[in-house]
Amino acid sequence: MPENFTDPSGNTAAFRAFANPAEPEAPAAPSRTPLLVAVAVAVVAVVLVAVVVWLALS
């Protein structure tokens, strides 16, 4: 066995590095969730106004 062998179970940090090797992370895509929520709220508001107007006129 080589002299520079390090047992990954020797300490917690070494074991975690062995068990979960670091992978290069992809750049995070910009979040569009707030935009989608705003569009959804606007669509619901327009539908509600249309229903209220339709009921008022009928």
PDB file of N, CA and C in Angstrom:
ATOM      1  N   MET A   1       0.857  -1.166   0.000  1.00  0.00           N
ATOM      2  CA  MET A   1       0.000   0.000   0.000  1.00  0.00           C
ATOM      3  C   MET A   1       0.907   1.235   0.000  1.00  0.00           C
ATOM      4  N   PRO A   2       0.567   2.248  -0.805  1.00  0.00           N
ATOM      5  CA  PRO A   2       1.426   3.434  -0.842  1.00  0.00           C
ATOM      6  C   PRO A   2       1.424   4.168   0.495  1.00  0.00           C
ATOM      7  N   GLU A   3       2.519   4.874   0.750  1.00  0.00           N
ATOM      8  CA  GLU A   3       2.639   5.581   2.028  1.00  0.00           C
ATOM      9  C   GLU A   3       1.727   6.801   2.115  1.00  0.00           C
ATOM     10  N   ASN A   4       1.366   7.388   0.976  1.00  0.00           N
ATOM     11  CA  ASN A   4       0.539   8.594   1.009  1.00  0.00           C
ATOM     12  C   ASN A   4      -0.956   8.267   0.905  1.00  0.00           C
ATOM     13  N   PHE A   5      -1.342   7.020   1.120  1.00  0.00           N
ATOM     14  CA  PHE A   5      -2.747   6.632   1.081  1.00  0.00           C
ATOM     15  C   PHE A   5      -3.476   7.252   2.270  1.00  0.00           C
ATOM     16  N   THR A   6      -4.592   7.920   1.986  1.00  0.00           N
ATOM     17  CA  THR A   6      -5.414   8.509   3.036  1.00  0.00           C
ATOM     18  C   THR A   6      -6.743   7.770   3.053  1.00  0.00           C
ATOM     19  N   ASP A   7      -7.057   7.191   4.175  1.00  0.00           N
ATOM     20  CA  ASP A   7      -8.315   6.470   4.324  1.00  0.00           C
ATOM     21  C   ASP A   7      -9.451   7.491   4.415  1.00  0.00           C
ATOM     22  N   PRO A   8     -10.400   7.503   3.453  1.00  0.00           N
ATOM     23  CA  PRO A   8     -11.470   8.498   3.486  1.00  0.00           C
ATOM     24  C   PRO A   8     -12.379   8.356   4.698  1.00  0.00           C
ATOM     25  N   SER A   9     -12.364   7.200   5.339  1.00  0.00           N
ATOM     26  CA  SER A   9     -13.197   7.060   6.533  1.00  0.00           C
ATOM     27  C   SER A   9     -12.471   7.560   7.777  1.00  0.00           C
ATOM     28  N   GLY A  10     -11.264   8.087   7.599  1.00  0.00           N
ATOM     29  CA  GLY A  10     -10.470   8.557   8.725  1.00  0.00           C
ATOM     30  C   GLY A  10     -11.051   9.770   9.415  1.00  0.00           C
ATOM     31  N   ASN A  11     -11.648  10.670   8.650  1.00  0.00           N
ATOM     32  CA  ASN A  11     -12.312  11.805   9.277  1.00  0.00           C
ATOM     33  C   ASN A  11     -13.535  12.196   8.444  1.00  0.00           C
ATOM     34  N   THR A  12     -14.422  12.926   9.033  1.00  0.00           N
ATOM     35  CA  THR A  12     -15.709  13.211   8.401  1.00  0.00           C
ATOM     36  C   THR A  12     -15.556  14.022   7.126  1.00  0.00           C
ATOM     37  N   ALA A  13     -14.715  15.043   7.130  1.00  0.00           N
ATOM     38  CA  ALA A  13     -14.562  15.896   5.954  1.00  0.00           C
ATOM     39  C   ALA A  13     -13.998  15.100   4.783  1.00  0.00           C
ATOM     40  N   ALA A  14     -13.012  14.251   5.043  1.00  0.00           N
ATOM     41  CA  ALA A  14     -12.439  13.451   3.968  1.00  0.00           C
ATOM     42  C   ALA A  14     -13.459  12.461   3.434  1.00  0.00           C
ATOM     43  N   PHE A  15     -14.262  11.874   4.306  1.00  0.00           N
ATOM     44  CA  PHE A  15     -15.268  10.922   3.849  1.00  0.00           C
ATOM     45  C   PHE A  15     -16.326  11.617   3.009  1.00  0.00           C
ATOM     46  N   ARG A  16     -16.780  12.798   3.439  1.00  0.00           N
ATOM     47  CA  ARG A  16     -17.790  13.518   2.662  1.00  0.00           C
ATOM     48  C   ARG A  16     -17.252  13.902   1.287  1.00  0.00           C
ATOM     49  N   ALA A  17     -15.997  14.323   1.233  1.00  0.00           N
ATOM     50  CA  ALA A  17     -15.391  14.672  -0.050  1.00  0.00           C
ATOM     51  C   ALA A  17     -15.285  13.433  -0.932  1.00  0.00           C
ATOM     52  N   PHE A  18     -15.022  12.277  -0.343  1.00  0.00           N
ATOM     53  CA  PHE A  18     -14.922  11.029  -1.093  1.00  0.00           C
ATOM     54  C   PHE A  18     -16.299  10.567  -1.564  1.00  0.00           C
ATOM     55  N   ALA A  19     -17.296  10.646  -0.692  1.00  0.00           N
ATOM     56  CA  ALA A  19     -18.623  10.148  -1.009  1.00  0.00           C
ATOM     57  C   ALA A  19     -19.382  11.074  -1.953  1.00  0.00           C
ATOM     58  N   ASN A  20     -19.166  12.367  -1.850  1.00  0.00           N
ATOM     59  CA  ASN A  20     -19.865  13.353  -2.688  1.00  0.00           C
ATOM     60  C   ASN A  20     -18.833  14.204  -3.414  1.00  0.00           C
ATOM     61  N   PRO A  21     -18.230  13.673  -4.473  1.00  0.00           N
ATOM     62  CA  PRO A  21     -17.212  14.469  -5.160  1.00  0.00           C
ATOM     63  C   PRO A  21     -17.824  15.748  -5.741  1.00  0.00           C
ATOM     64  N   ALA A  22     -17.078  16.808  -5.654  1.00  0.00           N
ATOM     65  CA  ALA A  22     -17.566  18.100  -6.157  1.00  0.00           C
ATOM     66  C   ALA A  22     -17.686  18.045  -7.666  1.00  0.00           C
ATOM     67  N   GLU A  23     -18.832  18.448  -8.154  1.00  0.00           N
ATOM     68  CA  GLU A  23     -19.057  18.518  -9.593  1.00  0.00           C
ATOM     69  C   GLU A  23     -19.170  19.987  -9.965  1.00  0.00           C
ATOM     70  N   PRO A  24     -18.651  20.343 -11.113  1.00  0.00           N
ATOM     71  CA  PRO A  24     -18.791  21.756 -11.513  1.00  0.00           C
ATOM     72  C   PRO A  24     -20.259  22.093 -11.686  1.00  0.00           C
ATOM     73  N   GLU A  25     -20.660  23.184 -11.059  1.00  0.00           N
ATOM     74  CA  GLU A  25     -22.061  23.589 -11.120  1.00  0.00           C
ATOM     75  C   GLU A  25     -22.314  24.399 -12.378  1.00  0.00           C
ATOM     76  N   ALA A  26     -23.455  24.131 -12.985  1.00  0.00           N
ATOM     77  CA  ALA A  26     -23.857  24.916 -14.153  1.00  0.00           C
ATOM     78  C   ALA A  26     -24.291  26.296 -13.668  1.00  0.00           C
ATOM     79  N   PRO A  27     -24.060  27.314 -14.469  1.00  0.00           N
ATOM     80  CA  PRO A  27     -24.501  28.650 -14.042  1.00  0.00           C
ATOM     81  C   PRO A  27     -26.018  28.663 -13.850  1.00  0.00           C
ATOM     82  N   ALA A  28     -26.435  29.291 -12.793  1.00  0.00           N
ATOM     83  CA  ALA A  28     -27.862  29.328 -12.474  1.00  0.00           C
ATOM     84  C   ALA A  28     -28.609  30.164 -13.504  1.00  0.00           C
ATOM     85  N   ALA A  29     -29.705  29.606 -13.982  1.00  0.00           N
ATOM     86  CA  ALA A  29     -30.537  30.334 -14.933  1.00  0.00           C
ATOM     87  C   ALA A  29     -31.306  31.407 -14.170  1.00  0.00           C
ATOM     88  N   PRO A  30     -31.506  32.550 -14.783  1.00  0.00           N
ATOM     89  CA  PRO A  30     -32.262  33.596 -14.086  1.00  0.00           C
ATOM     90  C   PRO A  30     -33.680  33.115 -13.790  1.00  0.00           C
ATOM     91  N   SER A  31     -34.129  33.423 -12.609  1.00  0.00           N
ATOM     92  CA  SER A  31     -35.458  32.984 -12.197  1.00  0.00           C
ATOM     93  C   SER A  31     -36.526  33.847 -12.851  1.00  0.00           C
ATOM     94  N   ARG A  32     -37.488  33.191 -13.468  1.00  0.00           N
ATOM     95  CA  ARG A  32     -38.587  33.915 -14.106  1.00  0.00           C
ATOM     96  C   ARG A  32     -39.872  33.750 -13.320  1.00  0.00           C
ATOM     97  N   THR A  33     -39.780  33.188 -12.159  1.00  0.00           N
ATOM     98  CA  THR A  33     -40.970  32.925 -11.358  1.00  0.00           C
ATOM     99  C   THR A  33     -41.756  34.193 -11.042  1.00  0.00           C
ATOM    100  N   PRO A  34     -41.126  35.293 -10.622  1.00  0.00           N
ATOM    101  CA  PRO A  34     -41.922  36.501 -10.336  1.00  0.00           C
ATOM    102  C   PRO A  34     -42.674  37.010 -11.568  1.00  0.00           C
ATOM    103  N   LEU A  35     -42.065  36.898 -12.728  1.00  0.00           N
ATOM    104  CA  LEU A  35     -42.728  37.338 -13.954  1.00  0.00           C
ATOM    105  C   LEU A  35     -43.934  36.452 -14.239  1.00  0.00           C
ATOM    106  N   LEU A  36     -43.785  35.145 -14.077  1.00  0.00           N
ATOM    107  CA  LEU A  36     -44.897  34.234 -14.326  1.00  0.00           C
ATOM    108  C   LEU A  36     -46.029  34.459 -13.344  1.00  0.00           C
ATOM    109  N   VAL A  37     -45.694  34.739 -12.109  1.00  0.00           N
ATOM    110  CA  VAL A  37     -46.729  35.006 -11.100  1.00  0.00           C
ATOM    111  C   VAL A  37     -47.478  36.287 -11.456  1.00  0.00           C
ATOM    112  N   ALA A  38     -46.763  37.307 -11.869  1.00  0.00           N
ATOM    113  CA  ALA A  38     -47.400  38.575 -12.235  1.00  0.00           C
ATOM    114  C   ALA A  38     -48.329  38.396 -13.439  1.00  0.00           C
ATOM    115  N   VAL A  39     -47.887  37.632 -14.423  1.00  0.00           N
ATOM    116  CA  VAL A  39     -48.729  37.386 -15.605  1.00  0.00           C
ATOM    117  C   VAL A  39     -49.963  36.587 -15.208  1.00  0.00           C
ATOM    118  N   ALA A  40     -49.795  35.587 -14.364  1.00  0.00           N
ATOM    119  CA  ALA A  40     -50.935  34.771 -13.931  1.00  0.00           C
ATOM    120  C   ALA A  40     -51.947  35.611 -13.156  1.00  0.00           C
ATOM    121  N   VAL A  41     -51.460  36.473 -12.273  1.00  0.00           N
ATOM    122  CA  VAL A  41     -52.361  37.338 -11.501  1.00  0.00           C
ATOM    123  C   VAL A  41     -53.101  38.291 -12.432  1.00  0.00           C
ATOM    124  N   ALA A  42     -52.419  38.830 -13.421  1.00  0.00           N
ATOM    125  CA  ALA A  42     -53.062  39.743 -14.369  1.00  0.00           C
ATOM    126  C   ALA A  42     -54.146  39.025 -15.174  1.00  0.00           C
ATOM    127  N   VAL A  43     -53.869  37.805 -15.610  1.00  0.00           N
ATOM    128  CA  VAL A  43     -54.861  37.043 -16.384  1.00  0.00           C
ATOM    129  C   VAL A  43     -56.077  36.738 -15.522  1.00  0.00           C
ATOM    130  N   VAL A  44     -55.863  36.331 -14.285  1.00  0.00           N
ATOM    131  CA  VAL A  44     -56.981  36.040 -13.382  1.00  0.00           C
ATOM    132  C   VAL A  44     -57.793  37.300 -13.134  1.00  0.00           C
ATOM    133  N   ALA A  45     -57.134  38.440 -12.961  1.00  0.00           N
ATOM    134  CA  ALA A  45     -57.849  39.700 -12.724  1.00  0.00           C
ATOM    135  C   ALA A  45     -58.707  40.068 -13.927  1.00  0.00           C
ATOM    136  N   VAL A  46     -58.171  39.913 -15.127  1.00  0.00           N
ATOM    137  CA  VAL A  46     -58.940  40.242 -16.342  1.00  0.00           C
ATOM    138  C   VAL A  46     -60.142  39.316 -16.474  1.00  0.00           C
ATOM    139  N   VAL A  47     -59.955  38.042 -16.198  1.00  0.00           N
ATOM    140  CA  VAL A  47     -61.076  37.097 -16.282  1.00  0.00           C
ATOM    141  C   VAL A  47     -62.143  37.449 -15.252  1.00  0.00           C
ATOM    142  N   LEU A  48     -61.746  37.792 -14.029  1.00  0.00           N
ATOM    143  CA  LEU A  48     -62.721  38.154 -13.005  1.00  0.00           C
ATOM    144  C   LEU A  48     -63.493  39.416 -13.376  1.00  0.00           C
ATOM    145  N   VAL A  49     -62.803  40.402 -13.901  1.00  0.00           N
ATOM    146  CA  VAL A  49     -63.485  41.635 -14.322  1.00  0.00           C
ATOM    147  C   VAL A  49     -64.453  41.328 -15.453  1.00  0.00           C
ATOM    148  N   ALA A  50     -64.053  40.489 -16.401  1.00  0.00           N
ATOM    149  CA  ALA A  50     -64.933  40.128 -17.512  1.00  0.00           C
ATOM    150  C   ALA A  50     -66.178  39.396 -17.000  1.00  0.00           C
ATOM    151  N   VAL A  51     -66.013  38.518 -16.034  1.00  0.00           N
ATOM    152  CA  VAL A  51     -67.161  37.787 -15.485  1.00  0.00           C
ATOM    153  C   VAL A  51     -68.100  38.750 -14.755  1.00  0.00           C
ATOM    154  N   VAL A  52     -67.548  39.665 -13.981  1.00  0.00           N
ATOM    155  CA  VAL A  52     -68.388  40.627 -13.247  1.00  0.00           C
ATOM    156  C   VAL A  52     -69.147  41.522 -14.229  1.00  0.00           C
ATOM    157  N   VAL A  53     -68.483  41.991 -15.267  1.00  0.00           N
ATOM    158  CA  VAL A  53     -69.156  42.842 -16.267  1.00  0.00           C
ATOM    159  C   VAL A  53     -70.233  42.046 -16.982  1.00  0.00           C
ATOM    160  N   TRP A  54     -69.943  40.797 -17.342  1.00  0.00           N
ATOM    161  CA  TRP A  54     -70.920  39.973 -18.051  1.00  0.00           C
ATOM    162  C   TRP A  54     -72.168  39.737 -17.160  1.00  0.00           C
ATOM    163  N   LEU A  55     -71.919  39.466 -15.857  1.00  0.00           N
ATOM    164  CA  LEU A  55     -73.040  39.264 -14.951  1.00  0.00           C
ATOM    165  C   LEU A  55     -73.838  40.544 -14.726  1.00  0.00           C
ATOM    166  N   ALA A  56     -73.151  41.678 -14.704  1.00  0.00           N
ATOM    167  CA  ALA A  56     -73.841  42.961 -14.483  1.00  0.00           C
ATOM    168  C   ALA A  56     -74.721  43.328 -15.687  1.00  0.00           C
ATOM    169  N   LEU A  57     -74.289  42.953 -16.878  1.00  0.00           N
ATOM    170  CA  LEU A  57     -75.026  43.314 -18.074  1.00  0.00           C
ATOM    171  C   LEU A  57     -76.110  42.313 -18.424  1.00  0.00           C
ATOM    172  N   SER A  58     -76.107  41.170 -17.815  1.00  0.00           N
ATOM    173  CA  SER A  58     -77.122  40.169 -18.173  1.00  0.00           C
ATOM    174  C   SER A  58     -78.293  40.155 -17.212  1.00  0.00           C
TER     175      SER A  58
END
